[in-house]
Amino acid sequence: MEEKEHLNQFRGSELIYEHLMVGGSLALTEGCHFVRDNYSAFWLFDLIGSYQSKLSGEAFQVWTLIKSSDGADITCENGNKKVLVSQHIPFTDFPFDIIIWKVEGTCLLPGEY
């Protein structure tokens, strides 16, 4: 099974985890908690959290990480294809492209909605 296929097991979420960072925290579903812990992606949720003061009026956010030959590109859209934030990451060992939704303060995988 490919690594990304492990994420298909997450449907809904019974538990919410807290991702602590300087200046606040994010709520994570079981799927996002799995991504953070199993792929050492604390930095990804720190990045999402770091933009929340700028995006405070956006209740629905679509965060997309797309790997490239020189790192990864991360964008945040509002769900209607309007780009709110974009950032290039010069290096990452994250193994695949991923989409994370942030809905009303909770980060989740699309299959958990």
PDB file of N, CA and C in Angstrom:
ATOM      1  N   MET A   1       0.848  -1.182   0.000  1.00  0.00           N
ATOM      2  CA  MET A   1       0.000   0.000   0.000  1.00  0.00           C
ATOM      3  C   MET A   1       0.894   1.247   0.000  1.00  0.00           C
ATOM      4  N   GLU A   2       0.596   2.191  -0.902  1.00  0.00           N
ATOM      5  CA  GLU A   2       1.340   3.434  -0.921  1.00  0.00           C
ATOM      6  C   GLU A   2       1.079   4.213   0.363  1.00  0.00           C
ATOM      7  N   GLU A   3       2.051   5.040   0.714  1.00  0.00           N
ATOM      8  CA  GLU A   3       1.914   5.794   1.965  1.00  0.00           C
ATOM      9  C   GLU A   3       0.647   6.644   1.987  1.00  0.00           C
ATOM     10  N   LYS A   4       0.352   7.318   0.886  1.00  0.00           N
ATOM     11  CA  LYS A   4      -0.806   8.207   0.857  1.00  0.00           C
ATOM     12  C   LYS A   4      -2.115   7.433   1.022  1.00  0.00           C
ATOM     13  N   GLU A   5      -2.132   6.181   0.589  1.00  0.00           N
ATOM     14  CA  GLU A   5      -3.350   5.373   0.704  1.00  0.00           C
ATOM     15  C   GLU A   5      -3.731   5.107   2.163  1.00  0.00           C
ATOM     16  N   HIS A   6      -2.771   5.219   3.081  1.00  0.00           N
ATOM     17  CA  HIS A   6      -3.084   5.072   4.504  1.00  0.00           C
ATOM     18  C   HIS A   6      -4.112   6.113   4.951  1.00  0.00           C
ATOM     19  N   LEU A   7      -4.139   7.240   4.276  1.00  0.00           N
ATOM     20  CA  LEU A   7      -5.043   8.321   4.680  1.00  0.00           C
ATOM     21  C   LEU A   7      -6.493   8.010   4.331  1.00  0.00           C
ATOM     22  N   ASN A   8      -6.720   7.076   3.423  1.00  0.00           N
ATOM     23  CA  ASN A   8      -8.089   6.719   3.042  1.00  0.00           C
ATOM     24  C   ASN A   8      -8.861   6.033   4.169  1.00  0.00           C
ATOM     25  N   GLN A   9      -8.153   5.558   5.180  1.00  0.00           N
ATOM     26  CA  GLN A   9      -8.818   4.879   6.290  1.00  0.00           C
ATOM     27  C   GLN A   9      -9.574   5.845   7.201  1.00  0.00           C
ATOM     28  N   PHE A  10      -9.309   7.121   7.086  1.00  0.00           N
ATOM     29  CA  PHE A  10      -9.912   8.093   7.996  1.00  0.00           C
ATOM     30  C   PHE A  10     -11.223   8.612   7.419  1.00  0.00           C
ATOM     31  N   ARG A  11     -12.317   8.287   8.093  1.00  0.00           N
ATOM     32  CA  ARG A  11     -13.673   8.708   7.730  1.00  0.00           C
ATOM     33  C   ARG A  11     -14.332   9.233   8.988  1.00  0.00           C
ATOM     34  N   GLY A  12     -14.606  10.501   9.023  1.00  0.00           N
ATOM     35  CA  GLY A  12     -15.113  11.076  10.256  1.00  0.00           C
ATOM     36  C   GLY A  12     -14.011  11.063  11.306  1.00  0.00           C
ATOM     37  N   SER A  13     -14.306  11.530  12.475  1.00  0.00           N
ATOM     38  CA  SER A  13     -13.319  11.530  13.546  1.00  0.00           C
ATOM     39  C   SER A  13     -14.039  11.568  14.882  1.00  0.00           C
ATOM     40  N   GLU A  14     -13.646  10.678  15.767  1.00  0.00           N
ATOM     41  CA  GLU A  14     -14.244  10.646  17.096  1.00  0.00           C
ATOM     42  C   GLU A  14     -13.423  11.417  18.115  1.00  0.00           C
ATOM     43  N   LEU A  15     -12.155  11.630  17.802  1.00  0.00           N
ATOM     44  CA  LEU A  15     -11.255  12.321  18.723  1.00  0.00           C
ATOM     45  C   LEU A  15     -10.721  13.595  18.084  1.00  0.00           C
ATOM     46  N   ILE A  16     -10.481  14.595  18.901  1.00  0.00           N
ATOM     47  CA  ILE A  16      -9.847  15.827  18.464  1.00  0.00           C
ATOM     48  C   ILE A  16      -8.574  15.997  19.282  1.00  0.00           C
ATOM     49  N   TYR A  17      -7.481  16.283  18.589  1.00  0.00           N
ATOM     50  CA  TYR A  17      -6.181  16.489  19.224  1.00  0.00           C
ATOM     51  C   TYR A  17      -5.833  17.967  19.134  1.00  0.00           C
ATOM     52  N   GLU A  18      -5.008  18.405  20.057  1.00  0.00           N
ATOM     53  CA  GLU A  18      -4.576  19.795  20.064  1.00  0.00           C
ATOM     54  C   GLU A  18      -3.132  19.875  19.575  1.00  0.00           C
ATOM     55  N   HIS A  19      -2.921  20.737  18.604  1.00  0.00           N
ATOM     56  CA  HIS A  19      -1.567  21.006  18.105  1.00  0.00           C
ATOM     57  C   HIS A  19      -1.132  22.339  18.697  1.00  0.00           C
ATOM     58  N   LEU A  20      -0.231  22.280  19.657  1.00  0.00           N
ATOM     59  CA  LEU A  20       0.233  23.484  20.342  1.00  0.00           C
ATOM     60  C   LEU A  20       1.370  24.126  19.564  1.00  0.00           C
ATOM     61  N   MET A  21       1.365  25.445  19.538  1.00  0.00           N
ATOM     62  CA  MET A  21       2.437  26.192  18.887  1.00  0.00           C
ATOM     63  C   MET A  21       2.523  27.552  19.548  1.00  0.00           C
ATOM     64  N   VAL A  22       3.581  28.273  19.254  1.00  0.00           N
ATOM     65  CA  VAL A  22       3.743  29.602  19.827  1.00  0.00           C
ATOM     66  C   VAL A  22       2.567  30.466  19.388  1.00  0.00           C
ATOM     67  N   GLY A  23       1.892  31.061  20.333  1.00  0.00           N
ATOM     68  CA  GLY A  23       0.796  31.959  20.021  1.00  0.00           C
ATOM     69  C   GLY A  23      -0.564  31.315  19.871  1.00  0.00           C
ATOM     70  N   GLY A  24      -0.678  30.018  20.114  1.00  0.00           N
ATOM     71  CA  GLY A  24      -2.006  29.422  20.012  1.00  0.00           C
ATOM     72  C   GLY A  24      -1.966  27.926  19.775  1.00  0.00           C
ATOM     73  N   SER A  25      -3.059  27.430  19.218  1.00  0.00           N
ATOM     74  CA  SER A  25      -3.160  26.002  18.946  1.00  0.00           C
ATOM     75  C   SER A  25      -4.148  25.775  17.805  1.00  0.00           C
ATOM     76  N   LEU A  26      -4.088  24.584  17.241  1.00  0.00           N
ATOM     77  CA  LEU A  26      -5.034  24.133  16.227  1.00  0.00           C
ATOM     78  C   LEU A  26      -5.676  22.849  16.716  1.00  0.00           C
ATOM     79  N   ALA A  27      -6.913  22.637  16.356  1.00  0.00           N
ATOM     80  CA  ALA A  27      -7.577  21.359  16.616  1.00  0.00           C
ATOM     81  C   ALA A  27      -7.329  20.463  15.405  1.00  0.00           C
ATOM     82  N   LEU A  28      -6.946  19.203  15.661  1.00  0.00           N
ATOM     83  CA  LEU A  28      -6.667  18.237  14.598  1.00  0.00           C
ATOM     84  C   LEU A  28      -7.567  17.021  14.755  1.00  0.00           C
ATOM     85  N   THR A  29      -8.116  16.550  13.654  1.00  0.00           N
ATOM     86  CA  THR A  29      -8.850  15.288  13.669  1.00  0.00           C
ATOM     87  C   THR A  29      -7.846  14.139  13.743  1.00  0.00           C
ATOM     88  N   GLU A  30      -8.365  12.930  13.835  1.00  0.00           N
ATOM     89  CA  GLU A  30      -7.497  11.751  13.894  1.00  0.00           C
ATOM     90  C   GLU A  30      -6.615  11.639  12.655  1.00  0.00           C
ATOM     91  N   GLY A  31      -7.151  11.962  11.482  1.00  0.00           N
ATOM     92  CA  GLY A  31      -6.366  11.882  10.251  1.00  0.00           C
ATOM     93  C   GLY A  31      -5.225  12.874  10.233  1.00  0.00           C
ATOM     94  N   CYS A  32      -5.489  14.108  10.617  1.00  0.00           N
ATOM     95  CA  CYS A  32      -4.422  15.117  10.650  1.00  0.00           C
ATOM     96  C   CYS A  32      -3.402  14.803  11.734  1.00  0.00           C
ATOM     97  N   HIS A  33      -3.876  14.289  12.851  1.00  0.00           N
ATOM     98  CA  HIS A  33      -2.968  13.853  13.918  1.00  0.00           C
ATOM     99  C   HIS A  33      -2.042  12.748  13.389  1.00  0.00           C
ATOM    100  N   PHE A  34      -2.582  11.802  12.628  1.00  0.00           N
ATOM    101  CA  PHE A  34      -1.801  10.727  12.020  1.00  0.00           C
ATOM    102  C   PHE A  34      -0.755  11.305  11.070  1.00  0.00           C
ATOM    103  N   VAL A  35      -1.163  12.238  10.223  1.00  0.00           N
ATOM    104  CA  VAL A  35      -0.223  12.868   9.280  1.00  0.00           C
ATOM    105  C   VAL A  35       0.893  13.566  10.040  1.00  0.00           C
ATOM    106  N   ARG A  36       0.519  14.355  11.030  1.00  0.00           N
ATOM    107  CA  ARG A  36       1.512  15.112  11.809  1.00  0.00           C
ATOM    108  C   ARG A  36       2.528  14.179  12.466  1.00  0.00           C
ATOM    109  N   ASP A  37       2.032  13.138  13.123  1.00  0.00           N
ATOM    110  CA  ASP A  37       2.922  12.277  13.893  1.00  0.00           C
ATOM    111  C   ASP A  37       3.688  11.261  13.041  1.00  0.00           C
ATOM    112  N   ASN A  38       3.036  10.676  12.040  1.00  0.00           N
ATOM    113  CA  ASN A  38       3.676   9.615  11.267  1.00  0.00           C
ATOM    114  C   ASN A  38       4.583  10.120  10.157  1.00  0.00           C
ATOM    115  N   TYR A  39       4.379  11.354   9.714  1.00  0.00           N
ATOM    116  CA  TYR A  39       5.213  11.905   8.647  1.00  0.00           C
ATOM    117  C   TYR A  39       6.028  13.107   9.132  1.00  0.00           C
ATOM    118  N   SER A  40       6.158  13.244  10.451  1.00  0.00           N
ATOM    119  CA  SER A  40       6.925  14.344  11.057  1.00  0.00           C
ATOM    120  C   SER A  40       6.538  15.688  10.442  1.00  0.00           C
ATOM    121  N   ALA A  41       5.237  15.930  10.373  1.00  0.00           N
ATOM    122  CA  ALA A  41       4.731  17.136   9.718  1.00  0.00           C
ATOM    123  C   ALA A  41       4.259  18.187  10.728  1.00  0.00           C
ATOM    124  N   PHE A  42       4.911  18.251  11.863  1.00  0.00           N
ATOM    125  CA  PHE A  42       4.591  19.302  12.829  1.00  0.00           C
ATOM    126  C   PHE A  42       4.727  20.668  12.157  1.00  0.00           C
ATOM    127  N   TRP A  43       5.758  20.801  11.331  1.00  0.00           N
ATOM    128  CA  TRP A  43       6.032  22.060  10.629  1.00  0.00           C
ATOM    129  C   TRP A  43       4.857  22.489   9.745  1.00  0.00           C
ATOM    130  N   LEU A  44       4.160  21.522   9.137  1.00  0.00           N
ATOM    131  CA  LEU A  44       3.038  21.842   8.256  1.00  0.00           C
ATOM    132  C   LEU A  44       1.898  22.475   9.044  1.00  0.00           C
ATOM    133  N   PHE A  45       1.600  21.938  10.199  1.00  0.00           N
ATOM    134  CA  PHE A  45       0.522  22.500  11.013  1.00  0.00           C
ATOM    135  C   PHE A  45       0.958  23.793  11.690  1.00  0.00           C
ATOM    136  N   ASP A  46       2.258  23.932  11.973  1.00  0.00           N
ATOM    137  CA  ASP A  46       2.776  25.217  12.441  1.00  0.00           C
ATOM    138  C   ASP A  46       2.572  26.285  11.362  1.00  0.00           C
ATOM    139  N   LEU A  47       2.848  25.915  10.101  1.00  0.00           N
ATOM    140  CA  LEU A  47       2.681  26.847   8.993  1.00  0.00           C
ATOM    141  C   LEU A  47       1.210  27.264   8.865  1.00  0.00           C
ATOM    142  N   ILE A  48       0.307  26.294   8.877  1.00  0.00           N
ATOM    143  CA  ILE A  48      -1.132  26.602   8.800  1.00  0.00           C
ATOM    144  C   ILE A  48      -1.523  27.524   9.954  1.00  0.00           C
ATOM    145  N   GLY A  49      -1.080  27.201  11.141  1.00  0.00           N
ATOM    146  CA  GLY A  49      -1.402  28.015  12.315  1.00  0.00           C
ATOM    147  C   GLY A  49      -0.838  29.418  12.232  1.00  0.00           C
ATOM    148  N   SER A  50       0.338  29.557  11.620  1.00  0.00           N
ATOM    149  CA  SER A  50       0.987  30.868  11.563  1.00  0.00           C
ATOM    150  C   SER A  50       0.209  31.869  10.715  1.00  0.00           C
ATOM    151  N   TYR A  51      -0.643  31.403   9.827  1.00  0.00           N
ATOM    152  CA  TYR A  51      -1.422  32.299   8.972  1.00  0.00           C
ATOM    153  C   TYR A  51      -2.810  32.616   9.526  1.00  0.00           C
ATOM    154  N   GLN A  52      -3.183  32.041  10.638  1.00  0.00           N
ATOM    155  CA  GLN A  52      -4.565  32.183  11.106  1.00  0.00           C
ATOM    156  C   GLN A  52      -4.938  33.599  11.515  1.00  0.00           C
ATOM    157  N   SER A  53      -4.002  34.393  11.982  1.00  0.00           N
ATOM    158  CA  SER A  53      -4.367  35.777  12.306  1.00  0.00           C
ATOM    159  C   SER A  53      -4.702  36.547  11.029  1.00  0.00           C
ATOM    160  N   LYS A  54      -4.025  36.239   9.941  1.00  0.00           N
ATOM    161  CA  LYS A  54      -4.293  36.875   8.647  1.00  0.00           C
ATOM    162  C   LYS A  54      -5.606  36.370   8.041  1.00  0.00           C
ATOM    163  N   LEU A  55      -5.971  35.123   8.341  1.00  0.00           N
ATOM    164  CA  LEU A  55      -7.142  34.489   7.736  1.00  0.00           C
ATOM    165  C   LEU A  55      -8.313  34.361   8.705  1.00  0.00           C
ATOM    166  N   SER A  56      -8.344  35.187   9.726  1.00  0.00           N
ATOM    167  CA  SER A  56      -9.341  35.027  10.788  1.00  0.00           C
ATOM    168  C   SER A  56     -10.785  35.070  10.286  1.00  0.00           C
ATOM    169  N   GLY A  57     -11.063  35.725   9.184  1.00  0.00           N
ATOM    170  CA  GLY A  57     -12.425  35.792   8.666  1.00  0.00           C
ATOM    171  C   GLY A  57     -12.794  34.639   7.748  1.00  0.00           C
ATOM    172  N   GLU A  58     -11.871  33.717   7.525  1.00  0.00           N
ATOM    173  CA  GLU A  58     -12.099  32.602   6.605  1.00  0.00           C
ATOM    174  C   GLU A  58     -12.436  31.333   7.390  1.00  0.00           C
ATOM    175  N   ALA A  59     -13.717  31.010   7.484  1.00  0.00           N
ATOM    176  CA  ALA A  59     -14.157  29.838   8.256  1.00  0.00           C
ATOM    177  C   ALA A  59     -13.810  28.529   7.554  1.00  0.00           C
ATOM    178  N   PHE A  60     -13.689  28.549   6.215  1.00  0.00           N
ATOM    179  CA  PHE A  60     -13.361  27.349   5.447  1.00  0.00           C
ATOM    180  C   PHE A  60     -12.097  27.624   4.648  1.00  0.00           C
ATOM    181  N   GLN A  61     -11.084  26.795   4.865  1.00  0.00           N
ATOM    182  CA  GLN A  61      -9.799  26.947   4.180  1.00  0.00           C
ATOM    183  C   GLN A  61      -9.383  25.607   3.583  1.00  0.00           C
ATOM    184  N   VAL A  62      -8.860  25.651   2.373  1.00  0.00           N
ATOM    185  CA  VAL A  62      -8.335  24.457   1.709  1.00  0.00           C
ATOM    186  C   VAL A  62      -6.834  24.648   1.549  1.00  0.00           C
ATOM    187  N   TRP A  63      -6.060  23.876   2.302  1.00  0.00           N
ATOM    188  CA  TRP A  63      -4.599  23.936   2.266  1.00  0.00           C
ATOM    189  C   TRP A  63      -4.090  22.798   1.384  1.00  0.00           C
ATOM    190  N   THR A  64      -3.270  23.139   0.391  1.00  0.00           N
ATOM    191  CA  THR A  64      -2.745  22.160  -0.548  1.00  0.00           C
ATOM    192  C   THR A  64      -1.223  22.231  -0.550  1.00  0.00           C
ATOM    193  N   LEU A  65      -0.597  21.083  -0.358  1.00  0.00           N
ATOM    194  CA  LEU A  65       0.858  20.960  -0.465  1.00  0.00           C
ATOM    195  C   LEU A  65       1.136  20.154  -1.730  1.00  0.00           C
ATOM    196  N   ILE A  66       1.885  20.749  -2.639  1.00  0.00           N
ATOM    197  CA  ILE A  66       2.279  20.063  -3.867  1.00  0.00           C
ATOM    198  C   ILE A  66       3.792  20.040  -3.926  1.00  0.00           C
ATOM    199  N   LYS A  67       4.332  18.824  -3.967  1.00  0.00           N
ATOM    200  CA  LYS A  67       5.785  18.659  -4.013  1.00  0.00           C
ATOM    201  C   LYS A  67       6.308  19.077  -5.383  1.00  0.00           C
ATOM    202  N   SER A  68       7.511  19.620  -5.368  1.00  0.00           N
ATOM    203  CA  SER A  68       8.188  19.984  -6.606  1.00  0.00           C
ATOM    204  C   SER A  68       9.636  19.537  -6.503  1.00  0.00           C
ATOM    205  N   SER A  69      10.360  19.700  -7.581  1.00  0.00           N
ATOM    206  CA  SER A  69      11.766  19.248  -7.574  1.00  0.00           C
ATOM    207  C   SER A  69      12.611  20.031  -6.578  1.00  0.00           C
ATOM    208  N   ASP A  70      12.185  21.242  -6.243  1.00  0.00           N
ATOM    209  CA  ASP A  70      12.956  22.050  -5.296  1.00  0.00           C
ATOM    210  C   ASP A  70      12.168  22.334  -4.020  1.00  0.00           C
ATOM    211  N   GLY A  71      11.445  21.345  -3.516  1.00  0.00           N
ATOM    212  CA  GLY A  71      10.725  21.499  -2.249  1.00  0.00           C
ATOM    213  C   GLY A  71       9.248  21.257  -2.410  1.00  0.00           C
ATOM    214  N   ALA A  72       8.445  22.267  -2.048  1.00  0.00           N
ATOM    215  CA  ALA A  72       6.990  22.144  -2.156  1.00  0.00           C
ATOM    216  C   ALA A  72       6.371  23.531  -2.218  1.00  0.00           C
ATOM    217  N   ASP A  73       5.208  23.583  -2.821  1.00  0.00           N
ATOM    218  CA  ASP A  73       4.418  24.806  -2.838  1.00  0.00           C
ATOM    219  C   ASP A  73       3.162  24.552  -2.021  1.00  0.00           C
ATOM    220  N   ILE A  74       2.870  25.484  -1.131  1.00  0.00           N
ATOM    221  CA  ILE A  74       1.701  25.379  -0.269  1.00  0.00           C
ATOM    222  C   ILE A  74       0.798  26.566  -0.567  1.00  0.00           C
ATOM    223  N   THR A  75      -0.472  26.263  -0.809  1.00  0.00           N
ATOM    224  CA  THR A  75      -1.448  27.323  -1.028  1.00  0.00           C
ATOM    225  C   THR A  75      -2.641  27.110  -0.104  1.00  0.00           C
ATOM    226  N   CYS A  76      -3.305  28.195   0.183  1.00  0.00           N
ATOM    227  CA  CYS A  76      -4.558  28.156   0.924  1.00  0.00           C
ATOM    228  C   CYS A  76      -5.589  28.866   0.075  1.00  0.00           C
ATOM    229  N   GLU A  77      -6.695  28.175  -0.193  1.00  0.00           N
ATOM    230  CA  GLU A  77      -7.816  28.754  -0.932  1.00  0.00           C
ATOM    231  C   GLU A  77      -9.039  28.809  -0.027  1.00  0.00           C
ATOM    232  N   ASN A  78     -10.025  29.571  -0.452  1.00  0.00           N
ATOM    233  CA  ASN A  78     -11.243  29.726   0.345  1.00  0.00           C
ATOM    234  C   ASN A  78     -12.329  28.709   0.006  1.00  0.00           C
ATOM    235  N   GLY A  79     -12.034  27.737  -0.835  1.00  0.00           N
ATOM    236  CA  GLY A  79     -13.030  26.753  -1.243  1.00  0.00           C
ATOM    237  C   GLY A  79     -13.700  27.101  -2.555  1.00  0.00           C
ATOM    238  N   ASN A  80     -13.504  28.324  -3.019  1.00  0.00           N
ATOM    239  CA  ASN A  80     -14.044  28.784  -4.303  1.00  0.00           C
ATOM    240  C   ASN A  80     -12.918  29.171  -5.261  1.00  0.00           C
ATOM    241  N   LYS A  81     -11.771  28.525  -5.084  1.00  0.00           N
ATOM    242  CA  LYS A  81     -10.587  28.725  -5.940  1.00  0.00           C
ATOM    243  C   LYS A  81      -9.922  30.087  -5.785  1.00  0.00           C
ATOM    244  N   LYS A  82     -10.299  30.865  -4.778  1.00  0.00           N
ATOM    245  CA  LYS A  82      -9.627  32.134  -4.526  1.00  0.00           C
ATOM    246  C   LYS A  82      -8.426  31.863  -3.627  1.00  0.00           C
ATOM    247  N   VAL A  83      -7.221  32.129  -4.132  1.00  0.00           N
ATOM    248  CA  VAL A  83      -6.002  31.908  -3.356  1.00  0.00           C
ATOM    249  C   VAL A  83      -5.880  32.998  -2.300  1.00  0.00           C
ATOM    250  N   LEU A  84      -5.757  32.554  -1.055  1.00  0.00           N
ATOM    251  CA  LEU A  84      -5.626  33.471   0.071  1.00  0.00           C
ATOM    252  C   LEU A  84      -4.174  33.636   0.489  1.00  0.00           C
ATOM    253  N   VAL A  85      -3.407  32.553   0.385  1.00  0.00           N
ATOM    254  CA  VAL A  85      -2.013  32.526   0.824  1.00  0.00           C
ATOM    255  C   VAL A  85      -1.266  31.532  -0.057  1.00  0.00           C
ATOM    256  N   SER A  86      -0.014  31.836  -0.351  1.00  0.00           N
ATOM    257  CA  SER A  86       0.846  30.837  -1.000  1.00  0.00           C
ATOM    258  C   SER A  86       2.261  31.020  -0.474  1.00  0.00           C
ATOM    259  N   GLN A  87       2.961  29.905  -0.382  1.00  0.00           N
ATOM    260  CA  GLN A  87       4.332  29.940   0.126  1.00  0.00           C
ATOM    261  C   GLN A  87       5.111  28.788  -0.483  1.00  0.00           C
ATOM    262  N   HIS A  88       6.350  29.075  -0.864  1.00  0.00           N
ATOM    263  CA  HIS A  88       7.245  28.022  -1.346  1.00  0.00           C
ATOM    264  C   HIS A  88       8.092  27.545  -0.174  1.00  0.00           C
ATOM    265  N   ILE A  89       8.200  26.240  -0.032  1.00  0.00           N
ATOM    266  CA  ILE A  89       9.047  25.628   0.989  1.00  0.00           C
ATOM    267  C   ILE A  89      10.272  25.078   0.248  1.00  0.00           C
ATOM    268  N   PRO A  90      11.467  25.561   0.537  1.00  0.00           N
ATOM    269  CA  PRO A  90      12.631  25.155  -0.249  1.00  0.00           C
ATOM    270  C   PRO A  90      13.063  23.700  -0.070  1.00  0.00           C
ATOM    271  N   PHE A  91      12.696  23.091   1.046  1.00  0.00           N
ATOM    272  CA  PHE A  91      13.035  21.682   1.242  1.00  0.00           C
ATOM    273  C   PHE A  91      11.985  21.032   2.125  1.00  0.00           C
ATOM    274  N   THR A  92      11.578  19.838   1.742  1.00  0.00           N
ATOM    275  CA  THR A  92      10.741  19.017   2.602  1.00  0.00           C
ATOM    276  C   THR A  92      10.959  17.556   2.246  1.00  0.00           C
ATOM    277  N   ASP A  93      10.906  16.706   3.250  1.00  0.00           N
ATOM    278  CA  ASP A  93      10.958  15.273   2.988  1.00  0.00           C
ATOM    279  C   ASP A  93       9.560  14.664   3.125  1.00  0.00           C
ATOM    280  N   PHE A  94       8.525  15.515   3.155  1.00  0.00           N
ATOM    281  CA  PHE A  94       7.159  15.008   3.189  1.00  0.00           C
ATOM    282  C   PHE A  94       6.953  14.171   1.930  1.00  0.00           C
ATOM    283  N   PRO A  95       6.372  12.970   2.046  1.00  0.00           N
ATOM    284  CA  PRO A  95       6.431  12.012   0.942  1.00  0.00           C
ATOM    285  C   PRO A  95       5.424  12.176  -0.199  1.00  0.00           C
ATOM    286  N   PHE A  96       4.399  13.029  -0.079  1.00  0.00           N
ATOM    287  CA  PHE A  96       3.389  13.092  -1.137  1.00  0.00           C
ATOM    288  C   PHE A  96       2.640  14.415  -1.082  1.00  0.00           C
ATOM    289  N   ASP A  97       1.874  14.698  -2.143  1.00  0.00           N
ATOM    290  CA  ASP A  97       0.980  15.852  -2.161  1.00  0.00           C
ATOM    291  C   ASP A  97      -0.175  15.567  -1.200  1.00  0.00           C
ATOM    292  N   ILE A  98      -0.700  16.624  -0.600  1.00  0.00           N
ATOM    293  CA  ILE A  98      -1.795  16.433   0.359  1.00  0.00           C
ATOM    294  C   ILE A  98      -2.692  17.663   0.383  1.00  0.00           C
ATOM    295  N   ILE A  99      -3.961  17.429   0.691  1.00  0.00           N
ATOM    296  CA  ILE A  99      -4.931  18.503   0.908  1.00  0.00           C
ATOM    297  C   ILE A  99      -5.442  18.385   2.338  1.00  0.00           C
ATOM    298  N   ILE A 100      -5.463  19.504   3.033  1.00  0.00           N
ATOM    299  CA  ILE A 100      -5.992  19.578   4.397  1.00  0.00           C
ATOM    300  C   ILE A 100      -7.023  20.696   4.419  1.00  0.00           C
ATOM    301  N   TRP A 101      -8.184  20.386   4.940  1.00  0.00           N
ATOM    302  CA  TRP A 101      -9.204  21.413   5.117  1.00  0.00           C
ATOM    303  C   TRP A 101      -9.133  21.944   6.539  1.00  0.00           C
ATOM    304  N   LYS A 102      -9.408  23.212   6.688  1.00  0.00           N
ATOM    305  CA  LYS A 102      -9.577  23.800   8.020  1.00  0.00           C
ATOM    306  C   LYS A 102     -10.983  24.371   8.050  1.00  0.00           C
ATOM    307  N   VAL A 103     -11.832  23.762   8.874  1.00  0.00           N
ATOM    308  CA  VAL A 103     -13.243  24.128   8.943  1.00  0.00           C
ATOM    309  C   VAL A 103     -13.567  24.561  10.371  1.00  0.00           C
ATOM    310  N   GLU A 104     -13.982  25.811  10.513  1.00  0.00           N
ATOM    311  CA  GLU A 104     -14.360  26.332  11.839  1.00  0.00           C
ATOM    312  C   GLU A 104     -13.330  26.011  12.904  1.00  0.00           C
ATOM    313  N   GLY A 105     -12.049  26.171  12.564  1.00  0.00           N
ATOM    314  CA  GLY A 105     -10.988  25.999  13.552  1.00  0.00           C
ATOM    315  C   GLY A 105     -10.405  24.608  13.679  1.00  0.00           C
ATOM    316  N   THR A 106     -10.915  23.627  12.932  1.00  0.00           N
ATOM    317  CA  THR A 106     -10.403  22.250  13.021  1.00  0.00           C
ATOM    318  C   THR A 106      -9.793  21.829  11.693  1.00  0.00           C
ATOM    319  N   CYS A 107      -8.582  21.314  11.741  1.00  0.00           N
ATOM    320  CA  CYS A 107      -7.923  20.763  10.551  1.00  0.00           C
ATOM    321  C   CYS A 107      -8.357  19.315  10.364  1.00  0.00           C
ATOM    322  N   LEU A 108      -8.731  18.972   9.128  1.00  0.00           N
ATOM    323  CA  LEU A 108      -9.171  17.608   8.842  1.00  0.00           C
ATOM    324  C   LEU A 108      -8.810  17.221   7.419  1.00  0.00           C
ATOM    325  N   LEU A 109      -8.760  15.922   7.186  1.00  0.00           N
ATOM    326  CA  LEU A 109      -8.589  15.408   5.837  1.00  0.00           C
ATOM    327  C   LEU A 109      -9.942  15.467   5.143  1.00  0.00           C
ATOM    328  N   PRO A 110      -9.978  15.698   3.826  1.00  0.00           N
ATOM    329  CA  PRO A 110     -11.273  15.794   3.135  1.00  0.00           C
ATOM    330  C   PRO A 110     -12.196  14.595   3.386  1.00  0.00           C
ATOM    331  N   GLY A 111     -11.658  13.392   3.518  1.00  0.00           N
ATOM    332  CA  GLY A 111     -12.480  12.212   3.774  1.00  0.00           C
ATOM    333  C   GLY A 111     -13.104  12.181   5.163  1.00  0.00           C
ATOM    334  N   GLU A 112     -12.650  13.051   6.049  1.00  0.00           N
ATOM    335  CA  GLU A 112     -13.181  13.092   7.410  1.00  0.00           C
ATOM    336  C   GLU A 112     -14.359  14.065   7.540  1.00  0.00           C
ATOM    337  N   TYR A 113     -14.668  14.784   6.488  1.00  0.00           N
ATOM    338  CA  TYR A 113     -15.730  15.790   6.552  1.00  0.00           C
ATOM    339  C   TYR A 113     -17.081  15.147   6.644  1.00  0.00           C
TER     340      TYR A 113
END
